[in-house]
Amino acid sequence: KFNDHANPTIPYMYHCHMLPHEDMGMMGQFLVVDQAAVNELDQVSFDLYPNPTNGLLLIESSVAIENLPDLTDQLGRVVSDQCSVNVLSMNKMELDLNNLPSGTYFVRIQNVVKMVIKD
């Protein structure tokens, strides 16, 4: 139990100490959220498409996107600064991922995280 360690922005990490295992997915992160905040998180949803993408990624949210989404790679490094953003409306934007190498990335909007694959 993580009764007093809830933090919606700093993830905990789990991993295997054998590097080949980490490379095959036995490493990840999770957020610990306050039980009282779970209902609020359930109301936020967003879609990423096309997924996988070849460079241009559309993000459509059920709520207004107040801040630019966080984009991280598999190691948790922030790569948002390598993307250009085109805001289409209050709840829709386009990210240009063409400057990023092929791989798996995570998009976070208001503490909801989804995965996108760039070919």
PDB file of N, CA and C in Angstrom:
ATOM      1  N   LYS A   1       0.840  -1.190   0.000  1.00  0.00           N
ATOM      2  CA  LYS A   1       0.000   0.000   0.000  1.00  0.00           C
ATOM      3  C   LYS A   1       0.879   1.244   0.000  1.00  0.00           C
ATOM      4  N   PHE A   2       0.424   2.255  -0.721  1.00  0.00           N
ATOM      5  CA  PHE A   2       1.100   3.546  -0.773  1.00  0.00           C
ATOM      6  C   PHE A   2       0.169   4.587  -0.165  1.00  0.00           C
ATOM      7  N   ASN A   3      -0.162   4.437   1.098  1.00  0.00           N
ATOM      8  CA  ASN A   3      -1.162   5.289   1.730  1.00  0.00           C
ATOM      9  C   ASN A   3      -0.811   6.770   1.725  1.00  0.00           C
ATOM     10  N   ASP A   4       0.451   7.109   1.921  1.00  0.00           N
ATOM     11  CA  ASP A   4       0.803   8.521   2.046  1.00  0.00           C
ATOM     12  C   ASP A   4       1.831   8.975   1.006  1.00  0.00           C
ATOM     13  N   HIS A   5       1.957   8.244  -0.093  1.00  0.00           N
ATOM     14  CA  HIS A   5       2.958   8.601  -1.100  1.00  0.00           C
ATOM     15  C   HIS A   5       2.332   8.913  -2.454  1.00  0.00           C
ATOM     16  N   ALA A   6       1.082   9.319  -2.480  1.00  0.00           N
ATOM     17  CA  ALA A   6       0.435   9.642  -3.747  1.00  0.00           C
ATOM     18  C   ALA A   6       1.088  10.877  -4.355  1.00  0.00           C
ATOM     19  N   ASN A   7       1.409  10.789  -5.639  1.00  0.00           N
ATOM     20  CA  ASN A   7       1.962  11.915  -6.380  1.00  0.00           C
ATOM     21  C   ASN A   7       1.593  11.715  -7.840  1.00  0.00           C
ATOM     22  N   PRO A   8       0.722  12.565  -8.382  1.00  0.00           N
ATOM     23  CA  PRO A   8       0.229  12.348  -9.746  1.00  0.00           C
ATOM     24  C   PRO A   8       1.242  12.674 -10.836  1.00  0.00           C
ATOM     25  N   THR A   9       2.432  13.182 -10.497  1.00  0.00           N
ATOM     26  CA  THR A   9       3.397  13.535 -11.538  1.00  0.00           C
ATOM     27  C   THR A   9       4.715  12.776 -11.449  1.00  0.00           C
ATOM     28  N   ILE A  10       5.083  12.265 -10.296  1.00  0.00           N
ATOM     29  CA  ILE A  10       6.361  11.555 -10.168  1.00  0.00           C
ATOM     30  C   ILE A  10       6.079  10.048 -10.109  1.00  0.00           C
ATOM     31  N   PRO A  11       6.517   9.311 -11.124  1.00  0.00           N
ATOM     32  CA  PRO A  11       6.208   7.879 -11.157  1.00  0.00           C
ATOM     33  C   PRO A  11       7.165   7.043 -10.305  1.00  0.00           C
ATOM     34  N   TYR A  12       6.676   5.887  -9.869  1.00  0.00           N
ATOM     35  CA  TYR A  12       7.512   4.853  -9.279  1.00  0.00           C
ATOM     36  C   TYR A  12       7.977   3.964 -10.427  1.00  0.00           C
ATOM     37  N   MET A  13       9.110   3.306 -10.254  1.00  0.00           N
ATOM     38  CA  MET A  13       9.631   2.456 -11.311  1.00  0.00           C
ATOM     39  C   MET A  13       9.812   1.040 -10.785  1.00  0.00           C
ATOM     40  N   TYR A  14       9.528   0.059 -11.628  1.00  0.00           N
ATOM     41  CA  TYR A  14       9.844  -1.328 -11.319  1.00  0.00           C
ATOM     42  C   TYR A  14      10.690  -1.864 -12.459  1.00  0.00           C
ATOM     43  N   HIS A  15      11.602  -2.777 -12.141  1.00  0.00           N
ATOM     44  CA  HIS A  15      12.463  -3.313 -13.194  1.00  0.00           C
ATOM     45  C   HIS A  15      13.168  -4.571 -12.731  1.00  0.00           C
ATOM     46  N   CYS A  16      13.671  -5.293 -13.707  1.00  0.00           N
ATOM     47  CA  CYS A  16      14.519  -6.451 -13.471  1.00  0.00           C
ATOM     48  C   CYS A  16      15.960  -5.980 -13.609  1.00  0.00           C
ATOM     49  N   HIS A  17      16.866  -6.506 -12.816  1.00  0.00           N
ATOM     50  CA  HIS A  17      18.258  -6.069 -12.855  1.00  0.00           C
ATOM     51  C   HIS A  17      19.061  -6.734 -13.967  1.00  0.00           C
ATOM     52  N   MET A  18      18.448  -7.597 -14.727  1.00  0.00           N
ATOM     53  CA  MET A  18      19.131  -8.204 -15.875  1.00  0.00           C
ATOM     54  C   MET A  18      18.810  -7.353 -17.105  1.00  0.00           C
ATOM     55  N   LEU A  19      19.830  -6.706 -17.663  1.00  0.00           N
ATOM     56  CA  LEU A  19      19.611  -5.752 -18.749  1.00  0.00           C
ATOM     57  C   LEU A  19      18.847  -6.332 -19.935  1.00  0.00           C
ATOM     58  N   PRO A  20      19.116  -7.562 -20.387  1.00  0.00           N
ATOM     59  CA  PRO A  20      18.312  -8.084 -21.507  1.00  0.00           C
ATOM     60  C   PRO A  20      16.822  -8.160 -21.165  1.00  0.00           C
ATOM     61  N   HIS A  21      16.514  -8.438 -19.896  1.00  0.00           N
ATOM     62  CA  HIS A  21      15.103  -8.485 -19.487  1.00  0.00           C
ATOM     63  C   HIS A  21      14.485  -7.089 -19.524  1.00  0.00           C
ATOM     64  N   GLU A  22      15.236  -6.072 -19.059  1.00  0.00           N
ATOM     65  CA  GLU A  22      14.728  -4.697 -19.115  1.00  0.00           C
ATOM     66  C   GLU A  22      14.419  -4.315 -20.551  1.00  0.00           C
ATOM     67  N   ASP A  23      15.310  -4.673 -21.474  1.00  0.00           N
ATOM     68  CA  ASP A  23      15.121  -4.341 -22.887  1.00  0.00           C
ATOM     69  C   ASP A  23      13.895  -5.014 -23.474  1.00  0.00           C
ATOM     70  N   MET A  24      13.472  -6.121 -22.874  1.00  0.00           N
ATOM     71  CA  MET A  24      12.313  -6.849 -23.395  1.00  0.00           C
ATOM     72  C   MET A  24      11.030  -6.495 -22.652  1.00  0.00           C
ATOM     73  N   GLY A  25      11.036  -5.397 -21.897  1.00  0.00           N
ATOM     74  CA  GLY A  25       9.797  -4.920 -21.300  1.00  0.00           C
ATOM     75  C   GLY A  25       9.628  -5.162 -19.818  1.00  0.00           C
ATOM     76  N   MET A  26      10.631  -5.723 -19.169  1.00  0.00           N
ATOM     77  CA  MET A  26      10.492  -5.972 -17.737  1.00  0.00           C
ATOM     78  C   MET A  26      10.954  -4.759 -16.945  1.00  0.00           C
ATOM     79  N   MET A  27      10.544  -3.591 -17.406  1.00  0.00           N
ATOM     80  CA  MET A  27      10.814  -2.338 -16.716  1.00  0.00           C
ATOM     81  C   MET A  27       9.650  -1.417 -17.039  1.00  0.00           C
ATOM     82  N   GLY A  28       9.162  -0.715 -16.076  1.00  0.00           N
ATOM     83  CA  GLY A  28       8.047   0.192 -16.322  1.00  0.00           C
ATOM     84  C   GLY A  28       7.884   1.179 -15.188  1.00  0.00           C
ATOM     85  N   GLN A  29       6.887   2.025 -15.327  1.00  0.00           N
ATOM     86  CA  GLN A  29       6.604   3.038 -14.333  1.00  0.00           C
ATOM     87  C   GLN A  29       5.112   3.025 -14.023  1.00  0.00           C
ATOM     88  N   PHE A  30       4.763   3.488 -12.821  1.00  0.00           N
ATOM     89  CA  PHE A  30       3.355   3.641 -12.463  1.00  0.00           C
ATOM     90  C   PHE A  30       3.210   4.833 -11.541  1.00  0.00           C
ATOM     91  N   LEU A  31       2.042   5.439 -11.597  1.00  0.00           N
ATOM     92  CA  LEU A  31       1.735   6.586 -10.742  1.00  0.00           C
ATOM     93  C   LEU A  31       0.864   6.130  -9.586  1.00  0.00           C
ATOM     94  N   VAL A  32       1.104   6.684  -8.423  1.00  0.00           N
ATOM     95  CA  VAL A  32       0.266   6.434  -7.256  1.00  0.00           C
ATOM     96  C   VAL A  32      -0.621   7.656  -7.083  1.00  0.00           C
ATOM     97  N   VAL A  33      -1.931   7.440  -7.148  1.00  0.00           N
ATOM     98  CA  VAL A  33      -2.868   8.556  -7.040  1.00  0.00           C
ATOM     99  C   VAL A  33      -3.708   8.409  -5.782  1.00  0.00           C
ATOM    100  N   ASP A  34      -4.169   9.509  -5.297  1.00  0.00           N
ATOM    101  CA  ASP A  34      -5.031   9.549  -4.121  1.00  0.00           C
ATOM    102  C   ASP A  34      -6.386   8.943  -4.491  1.00  0.00           C
ATOM    103  N   GLN A  35      -6.923   8.075  -3.650  1.00  0.00           N
ATOM    104  CA  GLN A  35      -8.227   7.460  -3.912  1.00  0.00           C
ATOM    105  C   GLN A  35      -9.298   8.506  -4.208  1.00  0.00           C
ATOM    106  N   ALA A  36      -9.237   9.648  -3.534  1.00  0.00           N
ATOM    107  CA  ALA A  36     -10.239  10.695  -3.741  1.00  0.00           C
ATOM    108  C   ALA A  36     -10.131  11.287  -5.137  1.00  0.00           C
ATOM    109  N   ALA A  37      -8.979  11.186  -5.775  1.00  0.00           N
ATOM    110  CA  ALA A  37      -8.782  11.767  -7.102  1.00  0.00           C
ATOM    111  C   ALA A  37      -9.173  10.813  -8.229  1.00  0.00           C
ATOM    112  N   VAL A  38      -9.449   9.552  -7.914  1.00  0.00           N
ATOM    113  CA  VAL A  38      -9.739   8.569  -8.956  1.00  0.00           C
ATOM    114  C   VAL A  38     -10.981   8.949  -9.742  1.00  0.00           C
ATOM    115  N   ASN A  39     -12.033   9.403  -9.097  1.00  0.00           N
ATOM    116  CA  ASN A  39     -13.245   9.778  -9.824  1.00  0.00           C
ATOM    117  C   ASN A  39     -12.978  10.922 -10.796  1.00  0.00           C
ATOM    118  N   GLU A  40     -12.155  11.874 -10.398  1.00  0.00           N
ATOM    119  CA  GLU A  40     -11.824  12.996 -11.264  1.00  0.00           C
ATOM    120  C   GLU A  40     -11.034  12.514 -12.478  1.00  0.00           C
ATOM    121  N   LEU A  41     -10.105  11.582 -12.281  1.00  0.00           N
ATOM    122  CA  LEU A  41      -9.299  11.068 -13.389  1.00  0.00           C
ATOM    123  C   LEU A  41     -10.146  10.296 -14.383  1.00  0.00           C
ATOM    124  N   ASP A  42     -11.170   9.598 -13.894  1.00  0.00           N
ATOM    125  CA  ASP A  42     -12.021   8.821 -14.787  1.00  0.00           C
ATOM    126  C   ASP A  42     -12.766   9.710 -15.777  1.00  0.00           C
ATOM    127  N   GLN A  43     -12.966  10.978 -15.475  1.00  0.00           N
ATOM    128  CA  GLN A  43     -13.737  11.858 -16.356  1.00  0.00           C
ATOM    129  C   GLN A  43     -12.909  12.386 -17.522  1.00  0.00           C
ATOM    130  N   VAL A  44     -11.585  12.281 -17.461  1.00  0.00           N
ATOM    131  CA  VAL A  44     -10.714  12.774 -18.518  1.00  0.00           C
ATOM    132  C   VAL A  44     -10.366  11.616 -19.439  1.00  0.00           C
ATOM    133  N   SER A  45     -10.590  11.799 -20.722  1.00  0.00           N
ATOM    134  CA  SER A  45     -10.176  10.786 -21.694  1.00  0.00           C
ATOM    135  C   SER A  45      -9.693  11.501 -22.951  1.00  0.00           C
ATOM    136  N   PHE A  46      -8.821  10.842 -23.680  1.00  0.00           N
ATOM    137  CA  PHE A  46      -8.371  11.398 -24.946  1.00  0.00           C
ATOM    138  C   PHE A  46      -7.994  10.276 -25.895  1.00  0.00           C
ATOM    139  N   ASP A  47      -8.027  10.588 -27.172  1.00  0.00           N
ATOM    140  CA  ASP A  47      -7.685   9.634 -28.219  1.00  0.00           C
ATOM    141  C   ASP A  47      -6.455  10.117 -28.960  1.00  0.00           C
ATOM    142  N   LEU A  48      -5.629   9.168 -29.384  1.00  0.00           N
ATOM    143  CA  LEU A  48      -4.455   9.431 -30.207  1.00  0.00           C
ATOM    144  C   LEU A  48      -4.658   8.710 -31.533  1.00  0.00           C
ATOM    145  N   TYR A  49      -4.492   9.407 -32.638  1.00  0.00           N
ATOM    146  CA  TYR A  49      -4.609   8.728 -33.922  1.00  0.00           C
ATOM    147  C   TYR A  49      -3.860   9.499 -35.000  1.00  0.00           C
ATOM    148  N   PRO A  50      -3.372   8.830 -36.018  1.00  0.00           N
ATOM    149  CA  PRO A  50      -3.314   7.362 -36.143  1.00  0.00           C
ATOM    150  C   PRO A  50      -2.272   6.791 -35.191  1.00  0.00           C
ATOM    151  N   ASN A  51      -2.518   5.583 -34.751  1.00  0.00           N
ATOM    152  CA  ASN A  51      -1.593   4.915 -33.837  1.00  0.00           C
ATOM    153  C   ASN A  51      -1.472   3.455 -34.267  1.00  0.00           C
ATOM    154  N   PRO A  52      -0.351   3.052 -34.841  1.00  0.00           N
ATOM    155  CA  PRO A  52       0.918   3.762 -34.937  1.00  0.00           C
ATOM    156  C   PRO A  52       0.844   4.918 -35.935  1.00  0.00           C
ATOM    157  N   THR A  53       1.782   5.845 -35.765  1.00  0.00           N
ATOM    158  CA  THR A  53       1.840   7.021 -36.621  1.00  0.00           C
ATOM    159  C   THR A  53       3.152   7.050 -37.385  1.00  0.00           C
ATOM    160  N   ASN A  54       3.153   7.718 -38.528  1.00  0.00           N
ATOM    161  CA  ASN A  54       4.393   7.883 -39.279  1.00  0.00           C
ATOM    162  C   ASN A  54       4.996   9.269 -39.040  1.00  0.00           C
ATOM    163  N   GLY A  55       4.384  10.072 -38.181  1.00  0.00           N
ATOM    164  CA  GLY A  55       4.959  11.378 -37.862  1.00  0.00           C
ATOM    165  C   GLY A  55       3.965  12.374 -37.306  1.00  0.00           C
ATOM    166  N   LEU A  56       2.792  12.504 -37.909  1.00  0.00           N
ATOM    167  CA  LEU A  56       1.786  13.459 -37.428  1.00  0.00           C
ATOM    168  C   LEU A  56       0.773  12.728 -36.562  1.00  0.00           C
ATOM    169  N   LEU A  57       0.623  13.187 -35.329  1.00  0.00           N
ATOM    170  CA  LEU A  57      -0.259  12.552 -34.355  1.00  0.00           C
ATOM    171  C   LEU A  57      -1.335  13.528 -33.932  1.00  0.00           C
ATOM    172  N   LEU A  58      -2.598  13.151 -34.073  1.00  0.00           N
ATOM    173  CA  LEU A  58      -3.721  13.962 -33.618  1.00  0.00           C
ATOM    174  C   LEU A  58      -4.115  13.530 -32.214  1.00  0.00           C
ATOM    175  N   ILE A  59      -4.362  14.519 -31.356  1.00  0.00           N
ATOM    176  CA  ILE A  59      -4.813  14.273 -29.989  1.00  0.00           C
ATOM    177  C   ILE A  59      -6.153  14.961 -29.827  1.00  0.00           C
ATOM    178  N   GLU A  60      -7.156  14.189 -29.410  1.00  0.00           N
ATOM    179  CA  GLU A  60      -8.491  14.742 -29.175  1.00  0.00           C
ATOM    180  C   GLU A  60      -8.913  14.372 -27.761  1.00  0.00           C
ATOM    181  N   SER A  61      -9.240  15.380 -26.944  1.00  0.00           N
ATOM    182  CA  SER A  61      -9.529  15.183 -25.536  1.00  0.00           C
ATOM    183  C   SER A  61     -11.002  15.444 -25.240  1.00  0.00           C
ATOM    184  N   SER A  62     -11.500  14.791 -24.172  1.00  0.00           N
ATOM    185  CA  SER A  62     -12.888  15.014 -23.742  1.00  0.00           C
ATOM    186  C   SER A  62     -13.031  16.336 -23.002  1.00  0.00           C
ATOM    187  N   VAL A  63     -11.907  16.929 -22.605  1.00  0.00           N
ATOM    188  CA  VAL A  63     -11.911  18.219 -21.910  1.00  0.00           C
ATOM    189  C   VAL A  63     -10.935  19.144 -22.621  1.00  0.00           C
ATOM    190  N   ALA A  64     -11.019  20.423 -22.325  1.00  0.00           N
ATOM    191  CA  ALA A  64     -10.077  21.384 -22.910  1.00  0.00           C
ATOM    192  C   ALA A  64      -8.658  21.034 -22.468  1.00  0.00           C
ATOM    193  N   ILE A  65      -7.743  21.078 -23.405  1.00  0.00           N
ATOM    194  CA  ILE A  65      -6.338  20.807 -23.110  1.00  0.00           C
ATOM    195  C   ILE A  65      -5.706  22.127 -22.678  1.00  0.00           C
ATOM    196  N   GLU A  66      -5.455  22.258 -21.379  1.00  0.00           N
ATOM    197  CA  GLU A  66      -4.977  23.530 -20.840  1.00  0.00           C
ATOM    198  C   GLU A  66      -3.472  23.706 -20.994  1.00  0.00           C
ATOM    199  N   ASN A  67      -2.729  22.607 -20.965  1.00  0.00           N
ATOM    200  CA  ASN A  67      -1.273  22.655 -21.113  1.00  0.00           C
ATOM    201  C   ASN A  67      -0.875  21.732 -22.262  1.00  0.00           C
ATOM    202  N   LEU A  68       0.295  21.972 -22.802  1.00  0.00           N
ATOM    203  CA  LEU A  68       0.788  21.070 -23.829  1.00  0.00           C
ATOM    204  C   LEU A  68       0.983  19.690 -23.226  1.00  0.00           C
ATOM    205  N   PRO A  69       0.671  18.639 -23.978  1.00  0.00           N
ATOM    206  CA  PRO A  69       0.828  17.298 -23.417  1.00  0.00           C
ATOM    207  C   PRO A  69       2.299  16.978 -23.170  1.00  0.00           C
ATOM    208  N   ASP A  70       2.547  16.144 -22.159  1.00  0.00           N
ATOM    209  CA  ASP A  70       3.890  15.637 -21.906  1.00  0.00           C
ATOM    210  C   ASP A  70       4.113  14.443 -22.817  1.00  0.00           C
ATOM    211  N   LEU A  71       5.261  14.400 -23.459  1.00  0.00           N
ATOM    212  CA  LEU A  71       5.627  13.280 -24.315  1.00  0.00           C
ATOM    213  C   LEU A  71       6.954  12.744 -23.804  1.00  0.00           C
ATOM    214  N   THR A  72       6.976  11.454 -23.434  1.00  0.00           N
ATOM    215  CA  THR A  72       8.195  10.840 -22.920  1.00  0.00           C
ATOM    216  C   THR A  72       8.507   9.576 -23.708  1.00  0.00           C
ATOM    217  N   ASP A  73       9.800   9.205 -23.702  1.00  0.00           N
ATOM    218  CA  ASP A  73      10.189   7.962 -24.353  1.00  0.00           C
ATOM    219  C   ASP A  73      10.095   6.818 -23.344  1.00  0.00           C
ATOM    220  N   GLN A  74      10.525   5.630 -23.746  1.00  0.00           N
ATOM    221  CA  GLN A  74      10.403   4.453 -22.881  1.00  0.00           C
ATOM    222  C   GLN A  74      11.250   4.553 -21.617  1.00  0.00           C
ATOM    223  N   LEU A  75      12.265   5.391 -21.635  1.00  0.00           N
ATOM    224  CA  LEU A  75      13.110   5.550 -20.455  1.00  0.00           C
ATOM    225  C   LEU A  75      12.630   6.670 -19.544  1.00  0.00           C
ATOM    226  N   GLY A  76      11.499   7.300 -19.891  1.00  0.00           N
ATOM    227  CA  GLY A  76      10.939   8.372 -19.084  1.00  0.00           C
ATOM    228  C   GLY A  76      11.519   9.740 -19.380  1.00  0.00           C
ATOM    229  N   ARG A  77      12.362   9.833 -20.417  1.00  0.00           N
ATOM    230  CA  ARG A  77      12.945  11.128 -20.779  1.00  0.00           C
ATOM    231  C   ARG A  77      11.904  11.960 -21.519  1.00  0.00           C
ATOM    232  N   VAL A  78      11.797  13.234 -21.165  1.00  0.00           N
ATOM    233  CA  VAL A  78      10.860  14.138 -21.816  1.00  0.00           C
ATOM    234  C   VAL A  78      11.388  14.485 -23.203  1.00  0.00           C
ATOM    235  N   VAL A  79      10.553  14.264 -24.222  1.00  0.00           N
ATOM    236  CA  VAL A  79      10.943  14.560 -25.602  1.00  0.00           C
ATOM    237  C   VAL A  79       9.984  15.562 -26.247  1.00  0.00           C
ATOM    238  N   SER A  80       9.091  16.146 -25.428  1.00  0.00           N
ATOM    239  CA  SER A  80       8.104  17.103 -25.952  1.00  0.00           C
ATOM    240  C   SER A  80       8.757  18.262 -26.677  1.00  0.00           C
ATOM    241  N   ASP A  81       9.940  18.679 -26.202  1.00  0.00           N
ATOM    242  CA  ASP A  81      10.606  19.836 -26.799  1.00  0.00           C
ATOM    243  C   ASP A  81      11.125  19.565 -28.205  1.00  0.00           C
ATOM    244  N   GLN A  82      11.107  18.319 -28.645  1.00  0.00           N
ATOM    245  CA  GLN A  82      11.555  17.965 -29.985  1.00  0.00           C
ATOM    246  C   GLN A  82      10.399  17.911 -30.979  1.00  0.00           C
ATOM    247  N   CYS A  83       9.190  18.255 -30.534  1.00  0.00           N
ATOM    248  CA  CYS A  83       7.998  18.180 -31.374  1.00  0.00           C
ATOM    249  C   CYS A  83       7.403  19.570 -31.558  1.00  0.00           C
ATOM    250  N   SER A  84       6.841  19.801 -32.729  1.00  0.00           N
ATOM    251  CA  SER A  84       6.086  21.036 -32.906  1.00  0.00           C
ATOM    252  C   SER A  84       4.605  20.728 -32.696  1.00  0.00           C
ATOM    253  N   VAL A  85       3.872  21.728 -32.224  1.00  0.00           N
ATOM    254  CA  VAL A  85       2.468  21.550 -31.868  1.00  0.00           C
ATOM    255  C   VAL A  85       1.618  22.515 -32.670  1.00  0.00           C
ATOM    256  N   ASN A  86       0.527  22.001 -33.209  1.00  0.00           N
ATOM    257  CA  ASN A  86      -0.449  22.819 -33.919  1.00  0.00           C
ATOM    258  C   ASN A  86      -1.778  22.670 -33.182  1.00  0.00           C
ATOM    259  N   VAL A  87      -2.217  23.722 -32.494  1.00  0.00           N
ATOM    260  CA  VAL A  87      -3.479  23.673 -31.748  1.00  0.00           C
ATOM    261  C   VAL A  87      -4.621  23.890 -32.734  1.00  0.00           C
ATOM    262  N   LEU A  88      -5.514  22.905 -32.831  1.00  0.00           N
ATOM    263  CA  LEU A  88      -6.633  22.965 -33.774  1.00  0.00           C
ATOM    264  C   LEU A  88      -7.904  23.501 -33.125  1.00  0.00           C
ATOM    265  N   SER A  89      -8.080  23.218 -31.839  1.00  0.00           N
ATOM    266  CA  SER A  89      -9.224  23.720 -31.077  1.00  0.00           C
ATOM    267  C   SER A  89      -8.889  23.565 -29.603  1.00  0.00           C
ATOM    268  N   MET A  90      -9.843  23.878 -28.708  1.00  0.00           N
ATOM    269  CA  MET A  90      -9.591  23.776 -27.266  1.00  0.00           C
ATOM    270  C   MET A  90      -9.295  22.344 -26.834  1.00  0.00           C
ATOM    271  N   ASN A  91      -9.849  21.376 -27.550  1.00  0.00           N
ATOM    272  CA  ASN A  91      -9.642  19.990 -27.148  1.00  0.00           C
ATOM    273  C   ASN A  91      -9.029  19.128 -28.243  1.00  0.00           C
ATOM    274  N   LYS A  92      -8.394  19.758 -29.228  1.00  0.00           N
ATOM    275  CA  LYS A  92      -7.784  18.983 -30.312  1.00  0.00           C
ATOM    276  C   LYS A  92      -6.485  19.655 -30.755  1.00  0.00           C
ATOM    277  N   MET A  93      -5.424  18.845 -30.889  1.00  0.00           N
ATOM    278  CA  MET A  93      -4.151  19.384 -31.369  1.00  0.00           C
ATOM    279  C   MET A  93      -3.420  18.317 -32.172  1.00  0.00           C
ATOM    280  N   GLU A  94      -2.422  18.783 -32.891  1.00  0.00           N
ATOM    281  CA  GLU A  94      -1.615  17.902 -33.722  1.00  0.00           C
ATOM    282  C   GLU A  94      -0.151  18.027 -33.282  1.00  0.00           C
ATOM    283  N   LEU A  95       0.491  16.891 -33.036  1.00  0.00           N
ATOM    284  CA  LEU A  95       1.905  16.862 -32.701  1.00  0.00           C
ATOM    285  C   LEU A  95       2.684  16.345 -33.899  1.00  0.00           C
ATOM    286  N   ASP A  96       3.773  17.023 -34.242  1.00  0.00           N
ATOM    287  CA  ASP A  96       4.651  16.579 -35.313  1.00  0.00           C
ATOM    288  C   ASP A  96       5.808  15.822 -34.671  1.00  0.00           C
ATOM    289  N   LEU A  97       5.824  14.501 -34.848  1.00  0.00           N
ATOM    290  CA  LEU A  97       6.839  13.640 -34.243  1.00  0.00           C
ATOM    291  C   LEU A  97       7.964  13.311 -35.216  1.00  0.00           C
ATOM    292  N   ASN A  98       8.026  13.978 -36.342  1.00  0.00           N
ATOM    293  CA  ASN A  98       9.002  13.639 -37.377  1.00  0.00           C
ATOM    294  C   ASN A  98      10.446  13.770 -36.915  1.00  0.00           C
ATOM    295  N   ASN A  99      10.745  14.595 -35.911  1.00  0.00           N
ATOM    296  CA  ASN A  99      12.113  14.734 -35.414  1.00  0.00           C
ATOM    297  C   ASN A  99      12.509  13.639 -34.434  1.00  0.00           C
ATOM    298  N   LEU A 100      11.563  12.762 -34.083  1.00  0.00           N
ATOM    299  CA  LEU A 100      11.845  11.685 -33.134  1.00  0.00           C
ATOM    300  C   LEU A 100      12.164  10.394 -33.874  1.00  0.00           C
ATOM    301  N   PRO A 101      13.056   9.574 -33.318  1.00  0.00           N
ATOM    302  CA  PRO A 101      13.310   8.268 -33.939  1.00  0.00           C
ATOM    303  C   PRO A 101      12.111   7.339 -33.747  1.00  0.00           C
ATOM    304  N   SER A 102      12.070   6.289 -34.538  1.00  0.00           N
ATOM    305  CA  SER A 102      11.009   5.287 -34.385  1.00  0.00           C
ATOM    306  C   SER A 102      11.061   4.711 -32.976  1.00  0.00           C
ATOM    307  N   GLY A 103       9.907   4.430 -32.412  1.00  0.00           N
ATOM    308  CA  GLY A 103       9.872   3.860 -31.068  1.00  0.00           C
ATOM    309  C   GLY A 103       8.528   4.026 -30.414  1.00  0.00           C
ATOM    310  N   THR A 104       8.465   3.712 -29.143  1.00  0.00           N
ATOM    311  CA  THR A 104       7.252   3.810 -28.340  1.00  0.00           C
ATOM    312  C   THR A 104       7.362   5.037 -27.444  1.00  0.00           C
ATOM    313  N   TYR A 105       6.296   5.833 -27.412  1.00  0.00           N
ATOM    314  CA  TYR A 105       6.272   7.062 -26.617  1.00  0.00           C
ATOM    315  C   TYR A 105       4.994   7.086 -25.786  1.00  0.00           C
ATOM    316  N   PHE A 106       5.025   7.880 -24.722  1.00  0.00           N
ATOM    317  CA  PHE A 106       3.874   7.998 -23.834  1.00  0.00           C
ATOM    318  C   PHE A 106       3.416   9.449 -23.799  1.00  0.00           C
ATOM    319  N   VAL A 107       2.116   9.641 -23.999  1.00  0.00           N
ATOM    320  CA  VAL A 107       1.504  10.968 -23.994  1.00  0.00           C
ATOM    321  C   VAL A 107       0.696  11.089 -22.716  1.00  0.00           C
ATOM    322  N   ARG A 108       0.915  12.184 -21.979  1.00  0.00           N
ATOM    323  CA  ARG A 108       0.173  12.394 -20.736  1.00  0.00           C
ATOM    324  C   ARG A 108      -0.541  13.735 -20.799  1.00  0.00           C
ATOM    325  N   ILE A 109      -1.856  13.702 -20.561  1.00  0.00           N
ATOM    326  CA  ILE A 109      -2.676  14.906 -20.456  1.00  0.00           C
ATOM    327  C   ILE A 109      -3.425  14.803 -19.135  1.00  0.00           C
ATOM    328  N   GLN A 110      -3.240  15.770 -18.276  1.00  0.00           N
ATOM    329  CA  GLN A 110      -3.913  15.820 -16.972  1.00  0.00           C
ATOM    330  C   GLN A 110      -3.855  14.475 -16.250  1.00  0.00           C
ATOM    331  N   ASN A 111      -2.647  13.909 -16.191  1.00  0.00           N
ATOM    332  CA  ASN A 111      -2.359  12.680 -15.463  1.00  0.00           C
ATOM    333  C   ASN A 111      -2.977  11.422 -16.057  1.00  0.00           C
ATOM    334  N   VAL A 112      -3.500  11.483 -17.275  1.00  0.00           N
ATOM    335  CA  VAL A 112      -3.940  10.294 -17.990  1.00  0.00           C
ATOM    336  C   VAL A 112      -2.879  10.017 -19.048  1.00  0.00           C
ATOM    337  N   VAL A 113      -2.384   8.769 -19.088  1.00  0.00           N
ATOM    338  CA  VAL A 113      -1.279   8.406 -19.965  1.00  0.00           C
ATOM    339  C   VAL A 113      -1.740   7.398 -20.999  1.00  0.00           C
ATOM    340  N   LYS A 114      -1.331   7.628 -22.258  1.00  0.00           N
ATOM    341  CA  LYS A 114      -1.574   6.669 -23.338  1.00  0.00           C
ATOM    342  C   LYS A 114      -0.289   6.456 -24.100  1.00  0.00           C
ATOM    343  N   MET A 115      -0.183   5.303 -24.740  1.00  0.00           N
ATOM    344  CA  MET A 115       1.011   4.950 -25.474  1.00  0.00           C
ATOM    345  C   MET A 115       0.790   5.152 -26.970  1.00  0.00           C
ATOM    346  N   VAL A 116       1.823   5.634 -27.682  1.00  0.00           N
ATOM    347  CA  VAL A 116       1.786   5.781 -29.128  1.00  0.00           C
ATOM    348  C   VAL A 116       3.066   5.191 -29.695  1.00  0.00           C
ATOM    349  N   ILE A 117       2.968   4.555 -30.835  1.00  0.00           N
ATOM    350  CA  ILE A 117       4.129   3.989 -31.513  1.00  0.00           C
ATOM    351  C   ILE A 117       4.391   4.772 -32.772  1.00  0.00           C
ATOM    352  N   LYS A 118       5.631   5.222 -32.960  1.00  0.00           N
ATOM    353  CA  LYS A 118       6.032   5.937 -34.169  1.00  0.00           C
ATOM    354  C   LYS A 118       6.820   4.972 -35.026  1.00  0.00           C
ATOM    355  N   ASP A 119       6.341   4.758 -36.242  1.00  0.00           N
ATOM    356  CA  ASP A 119       7.042   3.862 -37.188  1.00  0.00           C
ATOM    357  C   ASP A 119       8.293   4.534 -37.716  1.00  0.00           C
TER     358      ASP A 119
END
